[in-house]
């Protein structure tokens, strides 16, 4: 990775690396990143690249879901001081925050709180009008923390067993989430569909999936779905141990297609991946170059079987 001079001692090298890490973490701080994408000057509300006059709105509804939901919401609330906000925050961390209903869901398997979070979020979004703006804050882990099967007869136990079967299936994350999207009332764009009447929607995404898959982050609750029922039917035979109720659902009439690009519910919807492994690598590379290192970023083993990835990294490190 580097051609640093041979007279650098291990102590000096450790100091250089520590400095690179510290600078990298500053650049990818969740709160700072969120604050750069939303703002309000009292007259105009800006969400990403879109804006709307505050006078045209009655309120902003915020749905924050995932491992980073609490700091994302807190940063957004601070940046949007003065805007009337109602919010639901679903995360796997315990905590309370002013201005939001906080629900502690489970990860990696959904639990009763995950089901209740889905009920609360859908109820909130079904109140939107043309004088409502909606801000979705989605980060890794969101799939398990908010869940509601399209078939309400499927139990929590069977839903958790479905998730466990996916985890053990060997499927890539986008493939697992394709199945979750079509199983769920809150994934695969269905939150955007519930908020169809809103004046505008904006989704801020913190990614834990490979680049180029924004709708796989948290199973894409507010984005158009790039996967299909045909994809799901091709993947199901690779998932062992599916509960009978889930297998029957995927064969039955309640398993319907998710909203796709061009669907009207996305006509006033916008989204940005504001933080990802690519952002992290770029920030680290910049800090390392500033410190005098030669840098090469290699993502060649993304989503490989872990033994193959290990051998590749050892051979190319």
Protein backbone atom coordinates (compact mmCIF):
# COMPACT_ATOMS: atom_id res chain seq x y z
CA UNK A 1 0.00 0.00 0.00
CA UNK A 2 2.83 2.39 0.66
CA UNK A 3 6.39 3.23 -0.33
CA UNK A 4 7.15 5.15 2.89
CA UNK A 5 10.82 5.68 3.68
CA UNK A 6 12.67 2.88 5.39
CA UNK A 7 13.74 5.06 8.30
CA UNK A 8 10.17 5.33 9.58
CA UNK A 9 10.07 3.54 12.91
CA UNK A 10 7.18 1.34 13.94
CA UNK A 11 6.21 3.98 16.48
CA UNK A 12 6.12 6.67 13.83
CA UNK A 13 4.17 4.41 11.50
CA UNK A 14 1.63 3.67 14.23
CA UNK A 15 1.21 7.41 14.78
CA UNK A 16 0.67 7.97 11.06
CA UNK A 17 -1.93 5.21 10.89
CA UNK A 18 -3.70 6.52 13.99
CA UNK A 19 -3.86 9.97 12.42
CA UNK A 20 -5.31 8.54 9.22
CA UNK A 21 -8.00 6.68 11.18
CA UNK A 22 -8.92 9.77 13.21
CA UNK A 23 -9.17 11.97 10.10
CA UNK A 24 -11.19 9.33 8.24
CA UNK A 25 -13.71 9.04 11.08
CA UNK A 26 -14.14 12.82 11.11
CA UNK A 27 -15.03 12.79 7.43
CA UNK A 28 -17.60 10.00 7.75
CA UNK A 29 -19.23 11.14 10.98
CA UNK A 30 -22.93 10.30 10.69
CA UNK A 31 -24.17 13.52 12.27
CA UNK A 32 -22.01 15.71 10.08
CA UNK A 33 -23.01 13.88 6.92
CA UNK A 34 -26.73 14.18 7.71
CA UNK A 35 -26.39 17.89 8.53
CA UNK A 36 -24.88 18.51 5.09
CA UNK A 37 -27.97 17.16 3.34
CA UNK A 38 -30.85 18.87 5.14
CA UNK A 39 -31.41 22.47 6.18
CA UNK A 40 -34.05 25.09 6.90
CA UNK A 41 -33.58 28.87 7.00
CA UNK A 42 -37.07 29.51 8.34
CA UNK A 43 -38.54 30.06 4.90
CA UNK A 44 -37.29 27.19 2.77
CA UNK A 45 -36.88 23.54 3.74
CA UNK A 46 -34.09 21.78 1.85
CA UNK A 47 -33.97 17.99 1.65
CA UNK A 48 -31.07 16.85 -0.49
CA UNK A 49 -31.22 18.83 -3.75
CA UNK A 50 -34.95 19.48 -3.42
CA UNK A 51 -36.60 22.33 -1.57
CA UNK A 52 -40.06 23.51 -0.62
CA UNK A 53 -41.37 26.68 1.01
CA UNK A 54 -42.08 26.14 4.70
CA UNK A 55 -45.37 27.98 4.24
CA UNK A 56 -46.56 25.23 1.91
CA UNK A 57 -46.18 22.60 4.64
CA UNK A 58 -48.02 21.70 7.80
CA UNK A 59 -45.32 19.35 9.07
CA UNK A 60 -42.40 17.09 8.32
CA UNK A 61 -42.79 13.39 9.07
CA UNK A 62 -39.53 11.57 9.79
CA UNK A 63 -39.08 7.81 9.67
CA UNK A 64 -35.63 6.72 10.87
CA UNK A 65 -34.80 3.01 10.77
CA UNK A 66 -31.58 1.07 11.30
CA UNK A 67 -28.48 0.88 13.44
CA UNK A 68 -27.70 4.57 12.84
CA UNK A 69 -31.30 5.77 13.24
CA UNK A 70 -30.81 7.66 16.51
CA UNK A 71 -27.83 9.82 15.48
CA UNK A 72 -29.34 10.36 12.03
CA UNK A 73 -32.59 11.61 13.53
CA UNK A 74 -30.88 13.78 16.13
CA UNK A 75 -28.71 15.43 13.47
CA UNK A 76 -31.71 16.03 11.20
CA UNK A 77 -33.79 17.47 14.03
CA UNK A 78 -31.01 19.88 14.96
CA UNK A 79 -30.47 20.97 11.35
CA UNK A 80 -34.22 21.49 10.89
CA UNK A 81 -34.89 23.40 14.10
CA UNK A 82 -38.16 25.30 13.82
CA UNK A 83 -39.81 22.84 11.43
CA UNK A 84 -42.83 21.02 12.94
CA UNK A 85 -41.73 17.37 13.10
CA UNK A 86 -43.38 14.09 14.00
CA UNK A 87 -41.14 11.06 13.98
CA UNK A 88 -40.79 7.34 14.55
CA UNK A 89 -37.29 5.99 15.18
CA UNK A 90 -36.79 2.22 15.01
CA UNK A 91 -33.36 0.96 15.99
CA UNK A 92 -31.68 -1.83 17.93
CA UNK A 93 -30.31 0.60 20.53
CA UNK A 94 -32.04 1.59 23.73
CA UNK A 95 -32.63 5.29 24.13
CA UNK A 96 -35.04 8.18 24.18
CA UNK A 97 -34.90 11.27 22.04
CA UNK A 98 -36.96 14.44 22.09
CA UNK A 99 -39.51 14.75 19.35
CA UNK A 100 -39.78 11.10 18.36
CA UNK A 101 -41.34 7.81 19.30
CA UNK A 102 -38.38 5.45 19.70
CA UNK A 103 -38.92 1.72 19.23
CA UNK A 104 -36.19 -0.80 19.93
CA UNK A 105 -36.44 -3.55 17.35
CA UNK A 106 -34.25 -6.62 17.06
CA UNK A 107 -31.40 -7.56 14.74
CA UNK A 108 -30.73 -9.76 12.80
CA UNK A 109 -34.12 -11.39 13.44
CA UNK A 110 -37.35 -9.38 13.80
CA UNK A 111 -39.22 -9.45 17.10
CA UNK A 112 -42.52 -8.14 18.50
CA UNK A 113 -41.11 -4.59 18.62
CA UNK A 114 -40.22 -4.86 14.93
CA UNK A 115 -43.85 -5.69 14.17
CA UNK A 116 -45.10 -2.83 16.32
CA UNK A 117 -42.68 -0.41 14.65
CA UNK A 118 -44.13 -1.35 11.27
CA UNK A 119 -47.66 -0.68 12.52
CA UNK A 120 -46.63 2.71 13.94
CA UNK A 121 -44.76 3.79 10.79
CA UNK A 122 -47.56 2.79 8.43
CA UNK A 123 -50.11 4.60 10.60
CA UNK A 124 -47.95 7.74 10.55
CA UNK A 125 -47.45 7.69 6.78
CA UNK A 126 -51.13 7.13 6.05
CA UNK A 127 -51.81 10.55 7.57
CA UNK A 128 -49.75 12.43 4.96
CA UNK A 129 -51.35 15.08 2.77
CA UNK A 130 -50.14 17.37 0.01
CA UNK A 131 -48.96 19.69 2.82
CA UNK A 132 -46.64 17.06 4.32
CA UNK A 133 -42.98 16.40 3.58
CA UNK A 134 -41.54 12.99 4.48
CA UNK A 135 -37.93 12.31 5.39
CA UNK A 136 -36.77 8.70 5.47
CA UNK A 137 -33.47 7.99 7.26
CA UNK A 138 -32.43 4.43 6.44
CA UNK A 139 -29.31 2.60 7.60
CA UNK A 140 -28.03 -0.96 7.88
CA UNK A 141 -30.10 -3.41 9.88
CA UNK A 142 -33.38 -1.78 8.95
CA UNK A 143 -34.79 -4.96 7.42
CA UNK A 144 -35.16 -6.76 10.75
CA UNK A 145 -36.03 -3.74 12.88
CA UNK A 146 -39.28 -2.96 11.04
CA UNK A 147 -41.33 -5.81 9.62
CA UNK A 148 -44.91 -6.70 8.77
CA UNK A 149 -45.74 -9.65 6.52
CA UNK A 150 -48.10 -8.88 3.65
CA UNK A 151 -50.07 -11.88 4.87
CA UNK A 152 -51.03 -10.89 8.40
CA UNK A 153 -51.71 -14.54 9.24
CA UNK A 154 -47.96 -15.28 9.20
CA UNK A 155 -46.77 -15.34 12.79
CA UNK A 156 -43.82 -13.57 14.34
CA UNK A 157 -42.20 -16.95 14.95
CA UNK A 158 -42.49 -17.95 11.29
CA UNK A 159 -41.23 -14.53 10.19
CA UNK A 160 -38.15 -14.87 12.40
CA UNK A 161 -37.61 -18.41 11.08
CA UNK A 162 -37.82 -17.05 7.52
CA UNK A 163 -35.09 -14.51 8.34
CA UNK A 164 -32.97 -17.22 9.95
CA UNK A 165 -33.33 -19.40 6.86
CA UNK A 166 -32.20 -16.50 4.66
CA UNK A 167 -29.14 -15.86 6.84
CA UNK A 168 -28.09 -19.49 6.48
CA UNK A 169 -28.89 -19.75 2.78
CA UNK A 170 -25.64 -18.45 1.33
CA UNK A 171 -27.53 -15.93 -0.80
CA UNK A 172 -25.98 -12.52 -1.42
CA UNK A 173 -27.53 -9.63 0.52
CA UNK A 174 -29.41 -8.26 -2.51
CA UNK A 175 -30.91 -11.71 -3.12
CA UNK A 176 -31.98 -12.10 0.51
CA UNK A 177 -33.53 -8.66 0.41
CA UNK A 178 -35.37 -9.43 -2.82
CA UNK A 179 -37.26 -12.10 -0.89
CA UNK A 180 -37.77 -9.86 2.12
CA UNK A 181 -39.17 -7.09 -0.09
CA UNK A 182 -41.83 -9.29 -1.64
CA UNK A 183 -42.73 -10.82 1.72
CA UNK A 184 -43.19 -7.48 3.49
CA UNK A 185 -45.74 -4.69 3.75
CA UNK A 186 -43.02 -2.15 4.56
CA UNK A 187 -40.16 -2.99 2.18
CA UNK A 188 -39.46 -2.72 -1.53
CA UNK A 189 -40.89 0.79 -1.90
CA UNK A 190 -44.04 0.13 0.10
CA UNK A 191 -43.36 2.95 2.59
CA UNK A 192 -43.13 5.36 -0.33
CA UNK A 193 -46.42 3.91 -1.57
CA UNK A 194 -48.00 4.54 1.84
CA UNK A 195 -46.76 8.16 1.67
CA UNK A 196 -47.89 8.65 -1.93
CA UNK A 197 -49.90 11.80 -1.13
CA UNK A 198 -46.94 13.70 0.35
CA UNK A 199 -45.77 17.02 -1.10
CA UNK A 200 -42.29 15.51 -1.31
CA UNK A 201 -40.32 12.52 -0.06
CA UNK A 202 -36.59 12.36 0.56
CA UNK A 203 -34.61 9.29 1.59
CA UNK A 204 -31.14 9.51 3.09
CA UNK A 205 -29.33 6.17 3.01
CA UNK A 206 -26.30 4.89 4.92
CA UNK A 207 -25.20 1.78 3.08
CA UNK A 208 -23.96 -1.56 4.40
CA UNK A 209 -24.24 -3.28 1.00
CA UNK A 210 -22.00 -3.30 -2.09
CA UNK A 211 -22.02 -0.19 -4.29
CA UNK A 212 -24.74 0.32 -6.86
CA UNK A 213 -27.54 -1.34 -4.87
CA UNK A 214 -29.36 1.51 -3.10
CA UNK A 215 -32.67 -0.36 -3.04
CA UNK A 216 -30.99 -3.25 -1.19
CA UNK A 217 -30.16 -1.01 1.80
CA UNK A 218 -32.64 -1.96 4.52
CA UNK A 219 -34.59 -3.77 1.76
CA UNK A 220 -35.38 -0.44 0.09
CA UNK A 221 -38.53 0.58 2.01
CA UNK A 222 -38.87 3.92 0.19
CA UNK A 223 -37.13 3.26 -3.15
CA UNK A 224 -38.27 1.67 -6.42
CA UNK A 225 -37.57 -2.05 -6.36
CA UNK A 226 -35.20 -3.45 -8.98
CA UNK A 227 -36.09 -7.06 -8.11
CA UNK A 228 -39.13 -9.06 -9.21
CA UNK A 229 -41.40 -11.91 -8.24
CA UNK A 230 -39.68 -13.97 -10.92
CA UNK A 231 -36.37 -13.36 -9.12
CA UNK A 232 -37.93 -14.58 -5.88
CA UNK A 233 -39.28 -17.75 -7.41
CA UNK A 234 -35.84 -18.53 -8.77
CA UNK A 235 -34.22 -17.96 -5.37
CA UNK A 236 -36.67 -19.82 -3.13
CA UNK A 237 -35.37 -23.34 -3.94
CA UNK A 238 -31.99 -22.23 -2.55
CA UNK A 239 -33.46 -21.42 0.88
CA UNK A 240 -33.74 -24.43 3.16
CA UNK A 241 -35.97 -24.63 6.20
CA UNK A 242 -38.67 -22.17 5.11
CA UNK A 243 -41.73 -22.28 7.38
CA UNK A 244 -44.73 -23.75 5.60
CA UNK A 245 -46.71 -20.50 5.97
CA UNK A 246 -43.95 -18.52 4.22
CA UNK A 247 -43.53 -21.03 1.40
CA UNK A 248 -47.29 -21.00 0.87
CA UNK A 249 -47.32 -17.19 0.83
CA UNK A 250 -44.79 -17.03 -2.00
CA UNK A 251 -46.95 -19.40 -4.04
CA UNK A 252 -50.22 -17.61 -3.30
CA UNK A 253 -52.19 -14.56 -4.47
CA UNK A 254 -51.15 -12.28 -1.59
CA UNK A 255 -47.56 -12.25 -2.85
CA UNK A 256 -47.80 -9.30 -5.24
CA UNK A 257 -45.23 -7.25 -7.12
CA UNK A 258 -43.46 -4.34 -5.44
CA UNK A 259 -43.55 -0.73 -6.74
CA UNK A 260 -41.12 -0.29 -9.63
CA UNK A 261 -39.36 2.70 -11.24
CA UNK A 262 -41.98 4.87 -12.89
CA UNK A 263 -44.66 4.10 -10.31
CA UNK A 264 -46.56 7.24 -9.36
CA UNK A 265 -45.63 6.94 -5.69
CA UNK A 266 -42.08 7.98 -6.66
CA UNK A 267 -43.12 11.04 -8.68
CA UNK A 268 -42.10 13.38 -5.86
CA UNK A 269 -39.56 11.05 -4.22
CA UNK A 270 -35.79 11.58 -4.15
CA UNK A 271 -32.91 9.75 -2.48
CA UNK A 272 -29.18 9.85 -1.87
CA UNK A 273 -26.66 7.34 -0.53
CA UNK A 274 -24.88 9.73 1.82
CA UNK A 275 -22.48 7.29 3.45
CA UNK A 276 -21.10 3.94 2.26
CA UNK A 277 -17.97 1.82 2.17
CA UNK A 278 -16.95 3.83 -0.89
CA UNK A 279 -17.16 7.08 1.08
CA UNK A 280 -15.13 5.47 3.86
CA UNK A 281 -12.45 4.22 1.46
CA UNK A 282 -12.25 7.60 -0.30
CA UNK A 283 -11.90 9.46 3.02
CA UNK A 284 -9.19 7.04 4.20
CA UNK A 285 -7.36 7.34 0.88
CA UNK A 286 -7.40 11.12 1.03
CA UNK A 287 -6.06 11.12 4.60
CA UNK A 288 -3.37 8.59 3.70
CA UNK A 289 -2.24 10.57 0.65
CA UNK A 290 -2.06 13.72 2.76
CA UNK A 291 0.20 11.79 5.15
CA UNK A 292 2.51 10.88 2.26
CA UNK A 293 1.37 7.37 1.45
CA UNK A 294 0.73 5.91 -1.99
CA UNK A 295 -2.80 4.49 -1.98
CA UNK A 296 -4.63 1.84 -3.95
CA UNK A 297 -8.25 0.89 -3.25
CA UNK A 298 -9.18 -2.69 -4.16
CA UNK A 299 -12.78 -3.86 -3.78
CA UNK A 300 -12.16 -6.92 -5.91
CA UNK A 301 -13.40 -9.48 -3.38
CA UNK A 302 -16.77 -7.92 -2.55
CA UNK A 303 -19.32 -10.63 -1.68
CA UNK A 304 -16.96 -13.53 -2.29
CA UNK A 305 -17.13 -16.69 -0.24
CA UNK A 306 -15.06 -15.79 2.80
CA UNK A 307 -12.33 -18.41 2.23
CA UNK A 308 -11.79 -17.15 -1.34
CA UNK A 309 -11.79 -13.54 -0.14
CA UNK A 310 -9.21 -14.36 2.52
CA UNK A 311 -6.90 -16.04 0.02
CA UNK A 312 -7.29 -13.13 -2.40
CA UNK A 313 -6.44 -10.54 0.24
CA UNK A 314 -3.41 -12.52 1.41
CA UNK A 315 -2.15 -12.89 -2.15
CA UNK A 316 -2.76 -9.26 -3.10
CA UNK A 317 -2.16 -7.45 0.19
